Amino acid sequence: MRKYEVMYIIRPDVEQENVQALVDKFNGIISNGGEVTKTDVIGKRRLAYEINKLRDGYFVLVHFNATTEVVNELDRIMKITDEVIRTLIVRDVA
């Protein structure tokens, strides 16, 4: 298993309880073949530029260990989830 880091932005009009539910959903996907080492819900922040006419979003950063199959499945699920407006998954070299 390799170390990865994922940062994703959730739409600002999503309720706080639903934000936590999405975080739990994505962490559950990671746990089905890997392990979550750290989850930071950074909170609602202003975006550097508009994405789909939105200026704010809830930022979430997750560090985890997983196989490439888990990473591909996580990326696929995040892309089809309407509440997520941007994602970035990178391999952690540290």
N, C-alpha and C. Protein backbone atom coordinates (compact mmCIF):
# COMPACT_ATOMS: atom_id res chain seq x y z
N MET A 1 0.84 -1.19 0.00
CA MET A 1 0.00 0.00 0.00
C MET A 1 0.88 1.24 0.00
N ARG A 2 0.40 2.26 -0.68
CA ARG A 2 1.13 3.52 -0.75
C ARG A 2 0.38 4.59 0.03
N LYS A 3 1.12 5.65 0.35
CA LYS A 3 0.52 6.79 1.05
C LYS A 3 -0.05 7.76 0.02
N TYR A 4 -1.26 8.24 0.29
CA TYR A 4 -1.92 9.19 -0.59
C TYR A 4 -2.50 10.33 0.24
N GLU A 5 -2.82 11.41 -0.49
CA GLU A 5 -3.45 12.57 0.12
C GLU A 5 -4.54 13.02 -0.85
N VAL A 6 -5.73 13.24 -0.34
CA VAL A 6 -6.82 13.73 -1.17
C VAL A 6 -7.37 15.02 -0.56
N MET A 7 -7.56 16.02 -1.42
CA MET A 7 -8.20 17.27 -1.02
C MET A 7 -9.43 17.40 -1.89
N TYR A 8 -10.58 17.64 -1.26
CA TYR A 8 -11.78 17.85 -2.05
C TYR A 8 -12.58 19.00 -1.46
N ILE A 9 -13.37 19.63 -2.34
CA ILE A 9 -14.17 20.80 -1.97
C ILE A 9 -15.64 20.44 -2.17
N ILE A 10 -16.42 20.68 -1.12
CA ILE A 10 -17.85 20.39 -1.14
C ILE A 10 -18.61 21.70 -1.32
N ARG A 11 -19.71 21.65 -2.04
CA ARG A 11 -20.52 22.84 -2.33
C ARG A 11 -20.87 23.59 -1.03
N PRO A 12 -20.94 24.92 -1.08
CA PRO A 12 -21.22 25.69 0.14
C PRO A 12 -22.66 25.61 0.62
N ASP A 13 -23.59 25.20 -0.23
CA ASP A 13 -25.00 25.15 0.16
C ASP A 13 -25.38 23.82 0.82
N VAL A 14 -24.42 22.95 1.05
CA VAL A 14 -24.67 21.67 1.72
C VAL A 14 -24.69 21.91 3.24
N GLU A 15 -25.66 21.31 3.93
CA GLU A 15 -25.76 21.45 5.39
C GLU A 15 -24.56 20.81 6.08
N GLN A 16 -24.23 21.29 7.28
CA GLN A 16 -23.06 20.80 8.02
C GLN A 16 -23.16 19.30 8.31
N GLU A 17 -24.37 18.81 8.63
CA GLU A 17 -24.53 17.38 8.90
C GLU A 17 -24.25 16.56 7.64
N ASN A 18 -24.66 17.08 6.49
CA ASN A 18 -24.43 16.38 5.23
C ASN A 18 -22.96 16.41 4.83
N VAL A 19 -22.25 17.48 5.21
CA VAL A 19 -20.81 17.54 4.96
C VAL A 19 -20.13 16.41 5.72
N GLN A 20 -20.49 16.23 6.99
CA GLN A 20 -19.89 15.16 7.79
C GLN A 20 -20.27 13.79 7.24
N ALA A 21 -21.50 13.66 6.73
CA ALA A 21 -21.93 12.39 6.14
C ALA A 21 -21.11 12.06 4.89
N LEU A 22 -20.80 13.08 4.07
CA LEU A 22 -19.97 12.86 2.89
C LEU A 22 -18.55 12.46 3.28
N VAL A 23 -18.00 13.12 4.31
CA VAL A 23 -16.66 12.78 4.79
C VAL A 23 -16.64 11.33 5.26
N ASP A 24 -17.66 10.93 6.01
CA ASP A 24 -17.74 9.54 6.48
C ASP A 24 -17.88 8.56 5.32
N LYS A 25 -18.65 8.94 4.30
CA LYS A 25 -18.85 8.08 3.13
C LYS A 25 -17.52 7.85 2.41
N PHE A 26 -16.77 8.92 2.16
CA PHE A 26 -15.50 8.78 1.45
C PHE A 26 -14.46 8.05 2.29
N ASN A 27 -14.46 8.30 3.60
CA ASN A 27 -13.53 7.57 4.48
C ASN A 27 -13.89 6.08 4.52
N GLY A 28 -15.17 5.76 4.41
CA GLY A 28 -15.59 4.37 4.36
C GLY A 28 -15.12 3.67 3.09
N ILE A 29 -15.14 4.39 1.97
CA ILE A 29 -14.64 3.83 0.72
C ILE A 29 -13.14 3.53 0.84
N ILE A 30 -12.41 4.45 1.45
CA ILE A 30 -10.97 4.24 1.65
C ILE A 30 -10.73 3.05 2.56
N SER A 31 -11.53 2.91 3.61
CA SER A 31 -11.34 1.84 4.59
C SER A 31 -11.62 0.45 4.03
N ASN A 32 -12.29 0.37 2.88
CA ASN A 32 -12.58 -0.92 2.26
C ASN A 32 -11.39 -1.52 1.53
N GLY A 33 -10.20 -1.10 1.81
CA GLY A 33 -9.02 -1.65 1.15
C GLY A 33 -7.79 -0.86 1.53
N GLY A 34 -7.96 0.00 2.51
CA GLY A 34 -6.85 0.83 2.97
C GLY A 34 -7.13 1.30 4.37
N GLU A 35 -6.40 2.32 4.79
CA GLU A 35 -6.64 2.88 6.12
C GLU A 35 -6.47 4.40 6.08
N VAL A 36 -7.38 5.09 6.75
CA VAL A 36 -7.32 6.54 6.87
C VAL A 36 -6.41 6.87 8.04
N THR A 37 -5.38 7.69 7.79
CA THR A 37 -4.46 8.04 8.86
C THR A 37 -4.79 9.39 9.49
N LYS A 38 -5.37 10.31 8.69
CA LYS A 38 -5.70 11.63 9.23
C LYS A 38 -6.77 12.27 8.36
N THR A 39 -7.77 12.88 9.00
CA THR A 39 -8.83 13.60 8.30
C THR A 39 -8.95 14.99 8.89
N ASP A 40 -8.82 16.01 8.04
CA ASP A 40 -8.98 17.40 8.47
C ASP A 40 -10.13 18.02 7.70
N VAL A 41 -11.20 18.38 8.41
CA VAL A 41 -12.27 19.16 7.79
C VAL A 41 -11.89 20.61 8.05
N ILE A 42 -11.31 21.24 7.04
CA ILE A 42 -10.77 22.59 7.20
C ILE A 42 -11.90 23.60 7.39
N GLY A 43 -13.02 23.36 6.74
CA GLY A 43 -14.18 24.23 6.92
C GLY A 43 -14.48 25.03 5.67
N LYS A 44 -15.38 25.98 5.84
CA LYS A 44 -15.82 26.79 4.71
C LYS A 44 -14.80 27.89 4.45
N ARG A 45 -14.30 27.93 3.22
CA ARG A 45 -13.30 28.91 2.84
C ARG A 45 -13.66 29.50 1.49
N ARG A 46 -13.13 30.66 1.22
CA ARG A 46 -13.34 31.32 -0.06
C ARG A 46 -12.41 30.69 -1.10
N LEU A 47 -12.94 30.47 -2.30
CA LEU A 47 -12.15 29.91 -3.38
C LEU A 47 -11.31 31.01 -4.04
N ALA A 48 -10.20 30.64 -4.63
CA ALA A 48 -9.33 31.60 -5.31
C ALA A 48 -10.01 32.14 -6.57
N TYR A 49 -10.86 31.33 -7.18
CA TYR A 49 -11.60 31.74 -8.37
C TYR A 49 -12.91 30.96 -8.39
N GLU A 50 -13.86 31.44 -9.17
CA GLU A 50 -15.17 30.79 -9.24
C GLU A 50 -15.07 29.41 -9.89
N ILE A 51 -15.78 28.46 -9.31
CA ILE A 51 -15.94 27.13 -9.90
C ILE A 51 -17.44 26.89 -10.00
N ASN A 52 -17.93 26.75 -11.22
CA ASN A 52 -19.37 26.55 -11.46
C ASN A 52 -20.21 27.64 -10.79
N LYS A 53 -19.76 28.87 -10.88
CA LYS A 53 -20.43 30.06 -10.32
C LYS A 53 -20.52 30.03 -8.79
N LEU A 54 -19.63 29.29 -8.14
CA LEU A 54 -19.57 29.24 -6.68
C LEU A 54 -18.30 29.92 -6.21
N ARG A 55 -18.39 30.68 -5.12
CA ARG A 55 -17.24 31.42 -4.60
C ARG A 55 -16.68 30.81 -3.32
N ASP A 56 -17.45 29.94 -2.63
CA ASP A 56 -17.03 29.33 -1.37
C ASP A 56 -17.15 27.82 -1.47
N GLY A 57 -16.58 27.14 -0.47
CA GLY A 57 -16.71 25.69 -0.40
C GLY A 57 -16.14 25.16 0.89
N TYR A 58 -16.56 23.96 1.26
CA TYR A 58 -16.03 23.27 2.43
C TYR A 58 -14.83 22.44 1.98
N PHE A 59 -13.67 22.73 2.56
CA PHE A 59 -12.44 22.03 2.20
C PHE A 59 -12.20 20.87 3.15
N VAL A 60 -11.83 19.72 2.60
CA VAL A 60 -11.53 18.52 3.40
C VAL A 60 -10.22 17.93 2.88
N LEU A 61 -9.31 17.61 3.82
CA LEU A 61 -8.02 17.01 3.50
C LEU A 61 -7.91 15.68 4.22
N VAL A 62 -7.59 14.61 3.48
CA VAL A 62 -7.50 13.27 4.06
C VAL A 62 -6.17 12.64 3.65
N HIS A 63 -5.44 12.12 4.64
CA HIS A 63 -4.23 11.33 4.40
C HIS A 63 -4.60 9.87 4.61
N PHE A 64 -4.15 9.00 3.70
CA PHE A 64 -4.51 7.59 3.83
C PHE A 64 -3.49 6.69 3.14
N ASN A 65 -3.52 5.42 3.50
CA ASN A 65 -2.72 4.37 2.86
C ASN A 65 -3.69 3.46 2.13
N ALA A 66 -3.41 3.17 0.85
CA ALA A 66 -4.33 2.33 0.08
C ALA A 66 -3.65 1.80 -1.17
N THR A 67 -4.36 0.88 -1.82
CA THR A 67 -3.90 0.35 -3.10
C THR A 67 -4.43 1.24 -4.23
N THR A 68 -3.92 1.03 -5.43
CA THR A 68 -4.36 1.86 -6.55
C THR A 68 -5.82 1.59 -6.91
N GLU A 69 -6.31 0.39 -6.64
CA GLU A 69 -7.71 0.08 -6.93
C GLU A 69 -8.64 0.93 -6.06
N VAL A 70 -8.27 1.09 -4.79
CA VAL A 70 -9.08 1.90 -3.88
C VAL A 70 -9.05 3.36 -4.32
N VAL A 71 -7.89 3.84 -4.74
CA VAL A 71 -7.76 5.23 -5.19
C VAL A 71 -8.61 5.46 -6.44
N ASN A 72 -8.58 4.53 -7.37
CA ASN A 72 -9.39 4.66 -8.59
C ASN A 72 -10.88 4.66 -8.27
N GLU A 73 -11.31 3.81 -7.35
CA GLU A 73 -12.73 3.76 -6.96
C GLU A 73 -13.14 5.05 -6.25
N LEU A 74 -12.28 5.56 -5.36
CA LEU A 74 -12.56 6.82 -4.67
C LEU A 74 -12.70 7.96 -5.67
N ASP A 75 -11.80 8.03 -6.63
CA ASP A 75 -11.84 9.07 -7.65
C ASP A 75 -13.13 8.97 -8.47
N ARG A 76 -13.53 7.77 -8.83
CA ARG A 76 -14.75 7.57 -9.61
C ARG A 76 -15.98 8.02 -8.83
N ILE A 77 -16.06 7.64 -7.56
CA ILE A 77 -17.21 8.01 -6.74
C ILE A 77 -17.26 9.53 -6.53
N MET A 78 -16.10 10.14 -6.30
CA MET A 78 -16.09 11.60 -6.09
C MET A 78 -16.52 12.35 -7.34
N LYS A 79 -16.15 11.85 -8.51
CA LYS A 79 -16.51 12.53 -9.75
C LYS A 79 -18.01 12.48 -10.03
N ILE A 80 -18.70 11.44 -9.55
CA ILE A 80 -20.14 11.35 -9.82
C ILE A 80 -20.99 11.88 -8.66
N THR A 81 -20.34 12.36 -7.60
CA THR A 81 -21.07 12.94 -6.47
C THR A 81 -21.28 14.43 -6.76
N ASP A 82 -22.55 14.85 -6.82
CA ASP A 82 -22.87 16.22 -7.20
C ASP A 82 -22.41 17.26 -6.18
N GLU A 83 -22.33 16.88 -4.91
CA GLU A 83 -21.95 17.84 -3.87
C GLU A 83 -20.48 18.21 -3.92
N VAL A 84 -19.65 17.40 -4.56
CA VAL A 84 -18.21 17.66 -4.64
C VAL A 84 -17.94 18.46 -5.91
N ILE A 85 -17.31 19.64 -5.74
CA ILE A 85 -17.06 20.49 -6.90
C ILE A 85 -15.63 20.38 -7.43
N ARG A 86 -14.68 19.89 -6.61
CA ARG A 86 -13.30 19.73 -7.08
C ARG A 86 -12.58 18.70 -6.21
N THR A 87 -11.74 17.87 -6.84
CA THR A 87 -10.95 16.89 -6.09
C THR A 87 -9.52 16.87 -6.61
N LEU A 88 -8.61 16.46 -5.75
CA LEU A 88 -7.23 16.24 -6.15
C LEU A 88 -6.66 15.13 -5.28
N ILE A 89 -6.21 14.05 -5.92
CA ILE A 89 -5.59 12.93 -5.21
C ILE A 89 -4.14 12.86 -5.67
N VAL A 90 -3.22 12.92 -4.71
CA VAL A 90 -1.80 12.84 -5.02
C VAL A 90 -1.15 11.78 -4.14
N ARG A 91 -0.07 11.21 -4.65
CA ARG A 91 0.70 10.25 -3.86
C ARG A 91 1.62 11.03 -2.94
N ASP A 92 1.59 10.68 -1.66
CA ASP A 92 2.39 11.37 -0.65
C ASP A 92 3.79 10.78 -0.66
N VAL A 93 4.80 11.63 -0.85
CA VAL A 93 6.18 11.15 -0.93
C VAL A 93 6.89 11.24 0.41
N ALA A 94 6.29 11.90 1.37
CA ALA A 94 6.95 12.09 2.67
C ALA A 94 6.80 10.90 3.57
